[in-house]
C-alpha atoms as a PDB file:
ATOM      1  CA  UNK A   1      87.542 220.945  76.520  1.00  0.00           C
ATOM      2  CA  UNK A   2      87.168 217.934  78.778  1.00  0.00           C
ATOM      3  CA  UNK A   3      83.388 218.202  78.349  1.00  0.00           C
ATOM      4  CA  UNK A   4      83.796 218.126  74.561  1.00  0.00           C
ATOM      5  CA  UNK A   5      86.004 215.043  74.803  1.00  0.00           C
ATOM      6  CA  UNK A   6      83.499 213.239  77.036  1.00  0.00           C
ATOM      7  CA  UNK A   7      80.629 213.939  74.638  1.00  0.00           C
ATOM      8  CA  UNK A   8      82.672 212.828  71.638  1.00  0.00           C
ATOM      9  CA  UNK A   9      83.722 209.616  73.387  1.00  0.00           C
ATOM     10  CA  UNK A  10      80.096 208.881  74.256  1.00  0.00           C
ATOM     11  CA  UNK A  11      79.003 209.456  70.649  1.00  0.00           C
ATOM     12  CA  UNK A  12      81.700 207.053  69.457  1.00  0.00           C
ATOM     13  CA  UNK A  13      80.621 204.452  72.022  1.00  0.00           C
ATOM     14  CA  UNK A  14      76.962 204.669  70.959  1.00  0.00           C
ATOM     15  CA  UNK A  15      77.945 204.433  67.280  1.00  0.00           C
ATOM     16  CA  UNK A  16      79.878 201.229  68.002  1.00  0.00           C
ATOM     17  CA  UNK A  17      76.879 199.807  69.885  1.00  0.00           C
ATOM     18  CA  UNK A  18      74.623 200.771  67.002  1.00  0.00           C
ATOM     19  CA  UNK A  19      76.790 198.762  64.605  1.00  0.00           C
ATOM     20  CA  UNK A  20      76.270 195.692  66.793  1.00  0.00           C
ATOM     21  CA  UNK A  21      72.492 196.160  67.051  1.00  0.00           C
ATOM     22  CA  UNK A  22      72.236 196.684  63.293  1.00  0.00           C
ATOM     23  CA  UNK A  23      74.155 193.467  62.659  1.00  0.00           C
ATOM     24  CA  UNK A  24      71.954 191.535  65.121  1.00  0.00           C
ATOM     25  CA  UNK A  25      68.835 192.984  63.508  1.00  0.00           C
ATOM     26  CA  UNK A  26      69.982 191.853  60.059  1.00  0.00           C
ATOM     27  CA  UNK A  27      70.841 188.358  61.310  1.00  0.00           C
ATOM     28  CA  UNK A  28      67.490 188.008  63.085  1.00  0.00           C
ATOM     29  CA  UNK A  29      65.627 189.301  60.022  1.00  0.00           C
ATOM     30  CA  UNK A  30      67.364 186.722  57.822  1.00  0.00           C
ATOM     31  CA  UNK A  31      66.567 183.877  60.229  1.00  0.00           C
ATOM     32  CA  UNK A  32      63.018 184.817  61.168  1.00  0.00           C
ATOM     33  CA  UNK A  33      61.744 184.405  57.614  1.00  0.00           C
ATOM     34  CA  UNK A  34      63.037 180.832  57.501  1.00  0.00           C
ATOM     35  CA  UNK A  35      61.564 180.155  60.937  1.00  0.00           C
ATOM     36  CA  UNK A  36      58.222 181.589  59.838  1.00  0.00           C
ATOM     37  CA  UNK A  37      58.188 179.328  56.779  1.00  0.00           C
ATOM     38  CA  UNK A  38      58.928 176.293  58.954  1.00  0.00           C
ATOM     39  CA  UNK A  39      56.061 177.176  61.292  1.00  0.00           C
ATOM     40  CA  UNK A  40      53.594 177.691  58.450  1.00  0.00           C
ATOM     41  CA  UNK A  41      54.719 174.421  56.871  1.00  0.00           C
ATOM     42  CA  UNK A  42      54.298 172.477  60.123  1.00  0.00           C
ATOM     43  CA  UNK A  43      50.851 173.827  61.043  1.00  0.00           C
ATOM     44  CA  UNK A  44      48.809 171.903  58.432  1.00  0.00           C
ATOM     45  CA  UNK A  45      50.402 168.604  59.499  1.00  0.00           C
ATOM     46  CA  UNK A  46      49.761 169.339  63.197  1.00  0.00           C
ATOM     47  CA  UNK A  47      46.120 170.218  62.503  1.00  0.00           C
ATOM     48  CA  UNK A  48      45.548 167.134  60.358  1.00  0.00           C
ATOM     49  CA  UNK A  49      47.250 164.875  62.896  1.00  0.00           C
ATOM     50  CA  UNK A  50      44.985 166.229  65.651  1.00  0.00           C
ATOM     51  CA  UNK A  51      41.938 165.633  63.446  1.00  0.00           C
ATOM     52  CA  UNK A  52      42.925 162.061  62.578  1.00  0.00           C
ATOM     53  CA  UNK A  53      43.849 161.333  66.197  1.00  0.00           C
ATOM     54  CA  UNK A  54      40.457 162.578  67.410  1.00  0.00           C
ATOM     55  CA  UNK A  55      38.692 160.225  64.979  1.00  0.00           C
ATOM     56  CA  UNK A  56      40.900 157.384  66.122  1.00  0.00           C
ATOM     57  CA  UNK A  57      40.132 157.930  69.819  1.00  0.00           C
ATOM     58  CA  UNK A  58      36.389 158.156  69.150  1.00  0.00           C
ATOM     59  CA  UNK A  59      36.600 154.734  67.500  1.00  0.00           C
ATOM     60  CA  UNK A  60      38.297 153.057  70.480  1.00  0.00           C
ATOM     61  CA  UNK A  61      36.375 152.434  73.676  1.00  0.00           C
ATOM     62  CA  UNK A  62      38.971 150.494  75.654  1.00  0.00           C
ATOM     63  CA  UNK A  63      42.751 150.774  75.856  1.00  0.00           C
ATOM     64  CA  UNK A  64      44.860 147.657  76.237  1.00  0.00           C
ATOM     65  CA  UNK A  65      48.584 146.834  76.088  1.00  0.00           C
ATOM     66  CA  UNK A  66      48.170 143.053  75.882  1.00  0.00           C
ATOM     67  CA  UNK A  67      50.491 141.535  73.297  1.00  0.00           C
ATOM     68  CA  UNK A  68      52.360 144.802  72.723  1.00  0.00           C
ATOM     69  CA  UNK A  69      56.029 145.404  73.437  1.00  0.00           C
ATOM     70  CA  UNK A  70      56.905 148.476  75.488  1.00  0.00           C
ATOM     71  CA  UNK A  71      60.536 149.520  75.006  1.00  0.00           C
ATOM     72  CA  UNK A  72      60.023 153.157  76.022  1.00  0.00           C
ATOM     73  CA  UNK A  73      57.679 154.876  78.424  1.00  0.00           C
ATOM     74  CA  UNK A  74      56.110 156.844  75.587  1.00  0.00           C
ATOM     75  CA  UNK A  75      55.072 153.538  73.937  1.00  0.00           C
ATOM     76  CA  UNK A  76      52.814 152.728  76.914  1.00  0.00           C
ATOM     77  CA  UNK A  77      49.869 154.506  75.337  1.00  0.00           C
ATOM     78  CA  UNK A  78      47.256 152.986  77.689  1.00  0.00           C
ATOM     79  CA  UNK A  79      48.978 154.528  80.715  1.00  0.00           C
ATOM     80  CA  UNK A  80      49.448 157.866  78.939  1.00  0.00           C
ATOM     81  CA  UNK A  81      45.758 158.116  78.007  1.00  0.00           C
ATOM     82  CA  UNK A  82      44.427 156.969  81.388  1.00  0.00           C
ATOM     83  CA  UNK A  83      42.643 159.796  83.277  1.00  0.00           C
ATOM     84  CA  UNK A  84      44.116 160.514  86.685  1.00  0.00           C
ATOM     85  CA  UNK A  85      43.868 162.935  89.548  1.00  0.00           C
ATOM     86  CA  UNK A  86      46.383 165.764  89.283  1.00  0.00           C
ATOM     87  CA  UNK A  87      48.633 165.935  92.331  1.00  0.00           C
ATOM     88  CA  UNK A  88      51.854 166.997  90.590  1.00  0.00           C
ATOM     89  CA  UNK A  89      51.793 169.067  87.401  1.00  0.00           C
ATOM     90  CA  UNK A  90      54.481 168.810  84.739  1.00  0.00           C
ATOM     91  CA  UNK A  91      55.215 172.038  82.863  1.00  0.00           C
ATOM     92  CA  UNK A  92      57.441 172.213  79.791  1.00  0.00           C
ATOM     93  CA  UNK A  93      58.774 175.776  79.592  1.00  0.00           C
ATOM     94  CA  UNK A  94      60.235 176.858  76.255  1.00  0.00           C
ATOM     95  CA  UNK A  95      62.494 179.911  76.481  1.00  0.00           C
ATOM     96  CA  UNK A  96      65.572 181.084  74.594  1.00  0.00           C
ATOM     97  CA  UNK A  97      69.256 180.467  75.205  1.00  0.00           C
ATOM     98  CA  UNK A  98      70.340 183.877  73.898  1.00  0.00           C
ATOM     99  CA  UNK A  99      69.254 187.252  75.231  1.00  0.00           C
ATOM    100  CA  UNK A 100      68.652 190.645  73.598  1.00  0.00           C
ATOM    101  CA  UNK A 101      65.166 189.556  72.537  1.00  0.00           C
ATOM    102  CA  UNK A 102      63.162 192.294  74.207  1.00  0.00           C
ATOM    103  CA  UNK A 103      60.563 191.100  76.717  1.00  0.00           C
ATOM    104  CA  UNK A 104      60.337 187.619  75.173  1.00  0.00           C
ATOM    105  CA  UNK A 105      61.824 185.613  78.058  1.00  0.00           C
ATOM    106  CA  UNK A 106      60.339 187.894  80.715  1.00  0.00           C
ATOM    107  CA  UNK A 107      56.844 187.235  79.330  1.00  0.00           C
ATOM    108  CA  UNK A 108      57.371 183.460  79.361  1.00  0.00           C
ATOM    109  CA  UNK A 109      58.746 183.505  82.925  1.00  0.00           C
ATOM    110  CA  UNK A 110      55.955 185.779  84.150  1.00  0.00           C
ATOM    111  CA  UNK A 111      53.279 183.476  82.689  1.00  0.00           C
ATOM    112  CA  UNK A 112      54.999 180.411  84.157  1.00  0.00           C
ATOM    113  CA  UNK A 113      55.064 181.929  87.646  1.00  0.00           C
ATOM    114  CA  UNK A 114      51.371 182.733  87.289  1.00  0.00           C
ATOM    115  CA  UNK A 115      50.580 179.092  86.432  1.00  0.00           C
ATOM    116  CA  UNK A 116      52.689 177.839  89.349  1.00  0.00           C
ATOM    117  CA  UNK A 117      50.824 180.125  91.744  1.00  0.00           C
ATOM    118  CA  UNK A 118      47.502 178.863  90.381  1.00  0.00           C
ATOM    119  CA  UNK A 119      48.572 175.266  91.023  1.00  0.00           C
ATOM    120  CA  UNK A 120      49.855 176.163  94.485  1.00  0.00           C
ATOM    121  CA  UNK A 121      46.419 177.549  95.388  1.00  0.00           C
ATOM    122  CA  UNK A 122      45.004 174.100  94.508  1.00  0.00           C
ATOM    123  CA  UNK A 123      47.683 172.374  96.645  1.00  0.00           C
ATOM    124  CA  UNK A 124      49.274 170.904  93.514  1.00  0.00           C
ATOM    125  CA  UNK A 125      53.056 170.734  93.317  1.00  0.00           C
ATOM    126  CA  UNK A 126      54.866 171.471  90.051  1.00  0.00           C
ATOM    127  CA  UNK A 127      57.824 169.923  88.257  1.00  0.00           C
ATOM    128  CA  UNK A 128      59.471 171.980  85.537  1.00  0.00           C
ATOM    129  CA  UNK A 129      61.083 170.834  82.300  1.00  0.00           C
ATOM    130  CA  UNK A 130      62.918 173.916  81.012  1.00  0.00           C
ATOM    131  CA  UNK A 131      64.235 174.542  77.508  1.00  0.00           C
ATOM    132  CA  UNK A 132      66.687 177.439  77.231  1.00  0.00           C
ATOM    133  CA  UNK A 133      69.287 179.069  79.444  1.00  0.00           C
ATOM    134  CA  UNK A 134      67.247 182.241  80.057  1.00  0.00           C
ATOM    135  CA  UNK A 135      64.234 180.377  81.353  1.00  0.00           C
ATOM    136  CA  UNK A 136      66.385 178.249  83.633  1.00  0.00           C
ATOM    137  CA  UNK A 137      68.243 181.263  85.040  1.00  0.00           C
ATOM    138  CA  UNK A 138      65.005 183.159  85.636  1.00  0.00           C
ATOM    139  CA  UNK A 139      63.078 180.292  87.267  1.00  0.00           C
ATOM    140  CA  UNK A 140      65.866 178.667  89.285  1.00  0.00           C
ATOM    141  CA  UNK A 141      65.788 181.357  91.961  1.00  0.00           C
ATOM    142  CA  UNK A 142      61.986 181.520  92.050  1.00  0.00           C
ATOM    143  CA  UNK A 143      61.566 177.798  92.688  1.00  0.00           C
ATOM    144  CA  UNK A 144      63.040 178.191  96.174  1.00  0.00           C
ATOM    145  CA  UNK A 145      60.042 180.220  97.335  1.00  0.00           C
ATOM    146  CA  UNK A 146      57.366 178.316  95.357  1.00  0.00           C
ATOM    147  CA  UNK A 147      56.125 174.735  95.577  1.00  0.00           C
ATOM    148  CA  UNK A 148      57.990 173.573  92.490  1.00  0.00           C
ATOM    149  CA  UNK A 149      61.259 171.989  91.390  1.00  0.00           C
ATOM    150  CA  UNK A 150      63.216 171.693  88.176  1.00  0.00           C
ATOM    151  CA  UNK A 151      63.045 168.086  87.000  1.00  0.00           C
ATOM    152  CA  UNK A 152      64.953 168.456  83.703  1.00  0.00           C
ATOM    153  CA  UNK A 153      66.712 171.243  81.856  1.00  0.00           C
ATOM    154  CA  UNK A 154      67.738 171.401  78.203  1.00  0.00           C
ATOM    155  CA  UNK A 155      70.287 174.190  77.848  1.00  0.00           C
ATOM    156  CA  UNK A 156      72.414 173.221  74.851  1.00  0.00           C
ATOM    157  CA  UNK A 157      69.817 172.534  72.171  1.00  0.00           C
ATOM    158  CA  UNK A 158      70.603 173.815  68.653  1.00  0.00           C
ATOM    159  CA  UNK A 159      68.821 176.996  67.641  1.00  0.00           C
ATOM    160  CA  UNK A 160      66.962 175.301  64.788  1.00  0.00           C
ATOM    161  CA  UNK A 161      64.512 172.774  66.315  1.00  0.00           C
ATOM    162  CA  UNK A 162      64.389 169.246  64.962  1.00  0.00           C
ATOM    163  CA  UNK A 163      62.346 166.163  65.707  1.00  0.00           C
ATOM    164  CA  UNK A 164      65.253 164.554  67.587  1.00  0.00           C
ATOM    165  CA  UNK A 165      65.063 167.233  70.282  1.00  0.00           C
ATOM    166  CA  UNK A 166      61.316 166.759  70.592  1.00  0.00           C
ATOM    167  CA  UNK A 167      61.714 162.973  70.925  1.00  0.00           C
ATOM    168  CA  UNK A 168      64.167 163.354  73.825  1.00  0.00           C
ATOM    169  CA  UNK A 169      61.904 165.788  75.680  1.00  0.00           C
ATOM    170  CA  UNK A 170      58.788 163.706  75.016  1.00  0.00           C
ATOM    171  CA  UNK A 171      60.464 160.546  76.330  1.00  0.00           C
ATOM    172  CA  UNK A 172      61.640 162.296  79.513  1.00  0.00           C
ATOM    173  CA  UNK A 173      58.180 163.678  80.244  1.00  0.00           C
ATOM    174  CA  UNK A 174      56.435 160.413  79.368  1.00  0.00           C
ATOM    175  CA  UNK A 175      58.752 158.520  81.724  1.00  0.00           C
ATOM    176  CA  UNK A 176      57.846 160.857  84.591  1.00  0.00           C
ATOM    177  CA  UNK A 177      54.173 160.544  83.675  1.00  0.00           C
ATOM    178  CA  UNK A 178      54.176 156.749  83.590  1.00  0.00           C
ATOM    179  CA  UNK A 179      56.160 156.582  86.847  1.00  0.00           C
ATOM    180  CA  UNK A 180      53.523 158.864  88.417  1.00  0.00           C
ATOM    181  CA  UNK A 181      56.043 161.631  89.170  1.00  0.00           C
ATOM    182  CA  UNK A 182      53.762 164.006  87.272  1.00  0.00           C
ATOM    183  CA  UNK A 183      50.050 163.670  86.542  1.00  0.00           C
ATOM    184  CA  UNK A 184      49.700 165.995  83.571  1.00  0.00           C
ATOM    185  CA  UNK A 185      51.801 167.585  80.828  1.00  0.00           C
ATOM    186  CA  UNK A 186      51.464 171.228  79.793  1.00  0.00           C
ATOM    187  CA  UNK A 187      53.573 173.243  77.373  1.00  0.00           C
ATOM    188  CA  UNK A 188      54.137 176.951  77.980  1.00  0.00           C
ATOM    189  CA  UNK A 189      55.434 178.424  74.750  1.00  0.00           C
ATOM    190  CA  UNK A 190      54.897 181.422  72.481  1.00  0.00           C
ATOM    191  CA  UNK A 191      52.604 181.303  69.472  1.00  0.00           C
ATOM    192  CA  UNK A 192      53.907 183.179  66.435  1.00  0.00           C
ATOM    193  CA  UNK A 193      51.436 185.464  64.634  1.00  0.00           C
ATOM    194  CA  UNK A 194      53.560 187.816  62.549  1.00  0.00           C
ATOM    195  CA  UNK A 195      56.825 189.740  62.635  1.00  0.00           C
ATOM    196  CA  UNK A 196      55.450 192.177  65.207  1.00  0.00           C
ATOM    197  CA  UNK A 197      53.223 189.943  67.299  1.00  0.00           C
ATOM    198  CA  UNK A 198      53.362 186.750  69.354  1.00  0.00           C
ATOM    199  CA  UNK A 199      51.447 185.418  72.352  1.00  0.00           C
ATOM    200  CA  UNK A 200      52.395 183.293  75.357  1.00  0.00           C
ATOM    201  CA  UNK A 201      50.150 180.221  75.367  1.00  0.00           C
ATOM    202  CA  UNK A 202      49.554 177.167  77.516  1.00  0.00           C
ATOM    203  CA  UNK A 203      48.943 173.881  75.668  1.00  0.00           C
ATOM    204  CA  UNK A 204      47.505 171.032  77.741  1.00  0.00           C
ATOM    205  CA  UNK A 205      48.718 167.714  76.292  1.00  0.00           C
ATOM    206  CA  UNK A 206      48.013 165.064  78.957  1.00  0.00           C
ATOM    207  CA  UNK A 207      45.451 164.089  80.217  1.00  0.00           C
ATOM    208  CA  UNK A 208      44.436 164.200  76.594  1.00  0.00           C
ATOM    209  CA  UNK A 209      41.743 166.561  75.367  1.00  0.00           C
ATOM    210  CA  UNK A 210      42.018 166.453  71.587  1.00  0.00           C
ATOM    211  CA  UNK A 211      39.371 169.116  70.963  1.00  0.00           C
ATOM    212  CA  UNK A 212      41.316 171.546  73.155  1.00  0.00           C
ATOM    213  CA  UNK A 213      44.571 170.707  71.393  1.00  0.00           C
ATOM    214  CA  UNK A 214      42.936 171.250  67.999  1.00  0.00           C
ATOM    215  CA  UNK A 215      41.865 174.717  69.101  1.00  0.00           C
ATOM    216  CA  UNK A 216      45.383 175.479  70.381  1.00  0.00           C
ATOM    217  CA  UNK A 217      46.987 174.889  67.006  1.00  0.00           C
ATOM    218  CA  UNK A 218      44.303 176.804  65.066  1.00  0.00           C
ATOM    219  CA  UNK A 219      46.384 179.897  64.352  1.00  0.00           C
ATOM    220  CA  UNK A 220      43.876 181.462  61.971  1.00  0.00           C
ATOM    221  CA  UNK A 221      40.633 182.772  63.353  1.00  0.00           C
ATOM    222  CA  UNK A 222      38.882 179.685  61.992  1.00  0.00           C
ATOM    223  CA  UNK A 223      37.808 177.415  64.832  1.00  0.00           C
ATOM    224  CA  UNK A 224      36.787 173.777  64.459  1.00  0.00           C
ATOM    225  CA  UNK A 225      33.121 173.287  63.752  1.00  0.00           C
ATOM    226  CA  UNK A 226      31.729 171.856  66.952  1.00  0.00           C
ATOM    227  CA  UNK A 227      28.634 170.578  65.167  1.00  0.00           C
ATOM    228  CA  UNK A 228      30.523 168.480  62.631  1.00  0.00           C
ATOM    229  CA  UNK A 229      29.650 164.820  62.836  1.00  0.00           C
ATOM    230  CA  UNK A 230      32.782 162.678  62.781  1.00  0.00           C
ATOM    231  CA  UNK A 231      32.491 159.176  61.447  1.00  0.00           C
ATOM    232  CA  UNK A 232      33.516 156.772  64.217  1.00  0.00           C
ATOM    233  CA  UNK A 233      33.567 153.684  62.012  1.00  0.00           C
ATOM    234  CA  UNK A 234      37.167 152.888  61.164  1.00  0.00           C
ATOM    235  CA  UNK A 235      38.986 149.745  60.095  1.00  0.00           C
ATOM    236  CA  UNK A 236      42.277 148.953  61.856  1.00  0.00           C
ATOM    237  CA  UNK A 237      45.115 146.847  60.462  1.00  0.00           C
ATOM    238  CA  UNK A 238      46.570 144.867  62.198  1.00  0.00           C
ATOM    239  CA  UNK A 239      44.463 146.130  65.175  1.00  0.00           C
ATOM    240  CA  UNK A 240      43.500 149.360  66.905  1.00  0.00           C
ATOM    241  CA  UNK A 241      45.902 148.924  69.836  1.00  0.00           C
ATOM    242  CA  UNK A 242      48.951 148.641  67.577  1.00  0.00           C
ATOM    243  CA  UNK A 243      47.841 151.756  65.697  1.00  0.00           C
ATOM    244  CA  UNK A 244      47.314 153.710  68.931  1.00  0.00           C
ATOM    245  CA  UNK A 245      50.724 152.684  70.239  1.00  0.00           C
ATOM    246  CA  UNK A 246      52.269 154.286  67.146  1.00  0.00           C
ATOM    247  CA  UNK A 247      50.052 157.358  66.933  1.00  0.00           C
ATOM    248  CA  UNK A 248      50.124 158.478  70.581  1.00  0.00           C
ATOM    249  CA  UNK A 249      53.948 158.965  70.691  1.00  0.00           C
ATOM    250  CA  UNK A 250      53.776 160.653  67.292  1.00  0.00           C
ATOM    251  CA  UNK A 251      51.072 163.028  68.520  1.00  0.00           C
ATOM    252  CA  UNK A 252      52.859 164.020  71.758  1.00  0.00           C
ATOM    253  CA  UNK A 253      56.231 164.399  70.034  1.00  0.00           C
ATOM    254  CA  UNK A 254      54.743 166.477  67.226  1.00  0.00           C
ATOM    255  CA  UNK A 255      53.062 168.827  69.702  1.00  0.00           C
ATOM    256  CA  UNK A 256      56.401 169.428  71.438  1.00  0.00           C
ATOM    257  CA  UNK A 257      58.175 169.876  68.094  1.00  0.00           C
ATOM    258  CA  UNK A 258      55.461 172.296  66.952  1.00  0.00           C
ATOM    259  CA  UNK A 259      55.839 174.284  70.209  1.00  0.00           C
ATOM    260  CA  UNK A 260      59.606 174.529  69.646  1.00  0.00           C
ATOM    261  CA  UNK A 261      59.059 175.856  66.112  1.00  0.00           C
ATOM    262  CA  UNK A 262      56.552 178.454  67.286  1.00  0.00           C
ATOM    263  CA  UNK A 263      58.880 179.577  70.089  1.00  0.00           C
ATOM    264  CA  UNK A 264      61.882 179.922  67.770  1.00  0.00           C
ATOM    265  CA  UNK A 265      59.972 182.079  65.290  1.00  0.00           C
ATOM    266  CA  UNK A 266      58.586 184.240  68.114  1.00  0.00           C
ATOM    267  CA  UNK A 267      62.032 184.670  69.663  1.00  0.00           C
ATOM    268  CA  UNK A 268      63.636 185.777  66.396  1.00  0.00           C
ATOM    269  CA  UNK A 269      60.786 188.168  65.643  1.00  0.00           C
ATOM    270  CA  UNK A 270      61.066 189.651  69.140  1.00  0.00           C
ATOM    271  CA  UNK A 271      64.845 190.026  68.761  1.00  0.00           C
ATOM    272  CA  UNK A 272      64.485 191.700  65.374  1.00  0.00           C
ATOM    273  CA  UNK A 273      61.943 194.166  66.801  1.00  0.00           C
ATOM    274  CA  UNK A 274      64.086 194.838  69.876  1.00  0.00           C
ATOM    275  CA  UNK A 275      67.230 195.457  67.812  1.00  0.00           C
ATOM    276  CA  UNK A 276      65.295 197.722  65.455  1.00  0.00           C
ATOM    277  CA  UNK A 277      64.142 199.806  68.436  1.00  0.00           C
ATOM    278  CA  UNK A 278      67.703 199.827  69.804  1.00  0.00           C
ATOM    279  CA  UNK A 279      69.039 201.154  66.490  1.00  0.00           C
ATOM    280  CA  UNK A 280      66.433 203.914  66.440  1.00  0.00           C
ATOM    281  CA  UNK A 281      67.149 204.856  70.058  1.00  0.00           C
ATOM    282  CA  UNK A 282      70.884 204.953  69.334  1.00  0.00           C
ATOM    283  CA  UNK A 283      70.269 207.217  66.365  1.00  0.00           C
ATOM    284  CA  UNK A 284      68.186 209.582  68.526  1.00  0.00           C
ATOM    285  CA  UNK A 285      70.866 209.645  71.226  1.00  0.00           C
ATOM    286  CA  UNK A 286      73.608 210.359  68.684  1.00  0.00           C
ATOM    287  CA  UNK A 287      71.563 213.265  67.280  1.00  0.00           C
ATOM    288  CA  UNK A 288      70.991 214.785  70.734  1.00  0.00           C
ATOM    289  CA  UNK A 289      74.635 214.339  71.729  1.00  0.00           C
ATOM    290  CA  UNK A 290      75.774 215.859  68.417  1.00  0.00           C
ATOM    291  CA  UNK A 291      73.637 218.930  69.162  1.00  0.00           C
ATOM    292  CA  UNK A 292      75.140 219.163  72.657  1.00  0.00           C
ATOM    293  CA  UNK A 293      78.630 218.721  71.205  1.00  0.00           C
ATOM    294  CA  UNK A 294      78.117 221.496  68.667  1.00  0.00           C
ATOM    295  CA  UNK A 295      76.714 223.821  71.334  1.00  0.00           C
ATOM    296  CA  UNK A 296      79.624 223.115  73.670  1.00  0.00           C
ATOM    297  CA  UNK A 297      82.119 223.563  70.821  1.00  0.00           C
ATOM    298  CA  UNK A 298      80.500 226.835  69.789  1.00  0.00           C
ATOM    299  CA  UNK A 299      80.581 228.034  73.403  1.00  0.00           C
ATOM    300  CA  UNK A 300      84.269 227.136  73.717  1.00  0.00           C
ATOM    301  CA  UNK A 301      85.114 229.050  70.515  1.00  0.00           C
ATOM    302  CA  UNK A 302      83.107 232.070  71.670  1.00  0.00           C
ATOM    303  CA  UNK A 303      84.900 232.016  75.001  1.00  0.00           C
ATOM    304  CA  UNK A 304      88.323 231.897  73.289  1.00  0.00           C
ATOM    305  CA  UNK A 305      87.379 234.861  71.056  1.00  0.00           C
ATOM    306  CA  UNK A 306      86.251 236.846  74.084  1.00  0.00           C
ATOM    307  CA  UNK A 307      89.532 236.092  75.840  1.00  0.00           C
ATOM    308  CA  UNK A 308      91.551 237.266  72.800  1.00  0.00           C
ATOM    309  CA  UNK A 309      89.488 240.480  72.498  1.00  0.00           C
ATOM    310  CA  UNK A 310      89.775 241.171  76.206  1.00  0.00           C
ATOM    311  CA  UNK A 311      93.535 240.676  76.060  1.00  0.00           C
ATOM    312  CA  UNK A 312      93.863 243.039  73.077  1.00  0.00           C
ATOM    313  CA  UNK A 313      91.824 245.739  74.830  1.00  0.00           C
ATOM    314  CA  UNK A 314      93.960 245.422  77.940  1.00  0.00           C
ATOM    315  CA  UNK A 315      97.118 246.008  75.899  1.00  0.00           C
END
């Protein structure tokens, strides 16, 4: 009878776990649709901003900060656009704060470690800017054995990304870039495709390569037409340097904000898929345990009948 009790207790435990996974699946399913809509809404703006920015840069031959006020590091557009030799790489890693999202965080961490190893082979050190508790916990221990360090961590950001979060991160990274603590800025995030699919990607922001950035944010299979002639004649008011000082921070901040949106949608989709698989696995386990329970119960009843019959024959 103890075996029957153990099986029944295990069935009850799995049923309770299944209730939790079902609830998490429903919550993720409700949120992922909103996140998907936000991503799809943001993509046209990001693509158009990259297109306009590329035209703007092709129209400017020389960068200058003369006569401009620089209150923040990200306003120093001339320093941000200046090509430089990469000695220290700056990686922005976007992970999740919550778990139970399948292999989502493991994929991001694995890709990050691969990039760090690639930089180490080139004798380039790495500074990490980490969004999310899971990414920080996974990379903190690895940094001890690799040529990298965690410069900033953002662990308490709200689940729904907003431009304010992107502005803070962009300012921190721009400050390190201007102070020559890092010589490039890359974003490692996940690109949302659909409810069942996402991909870990690496977006190179600085030193600026607008054509590469435009390809990064092309989610559809339509790539920019390389043969398109872009008109380089533009009129600036009040002047091109003032316009660039406004557009460069907007461009960098929007890329970070767009990466946060993509990562959030991918995380929720991964969690919904993982919880759906967990519910199915729990259902399969309950079925198998129910069969074992019925077999054990039937065996116990048969044994009791045999004992009664044997006792009656003995009398």
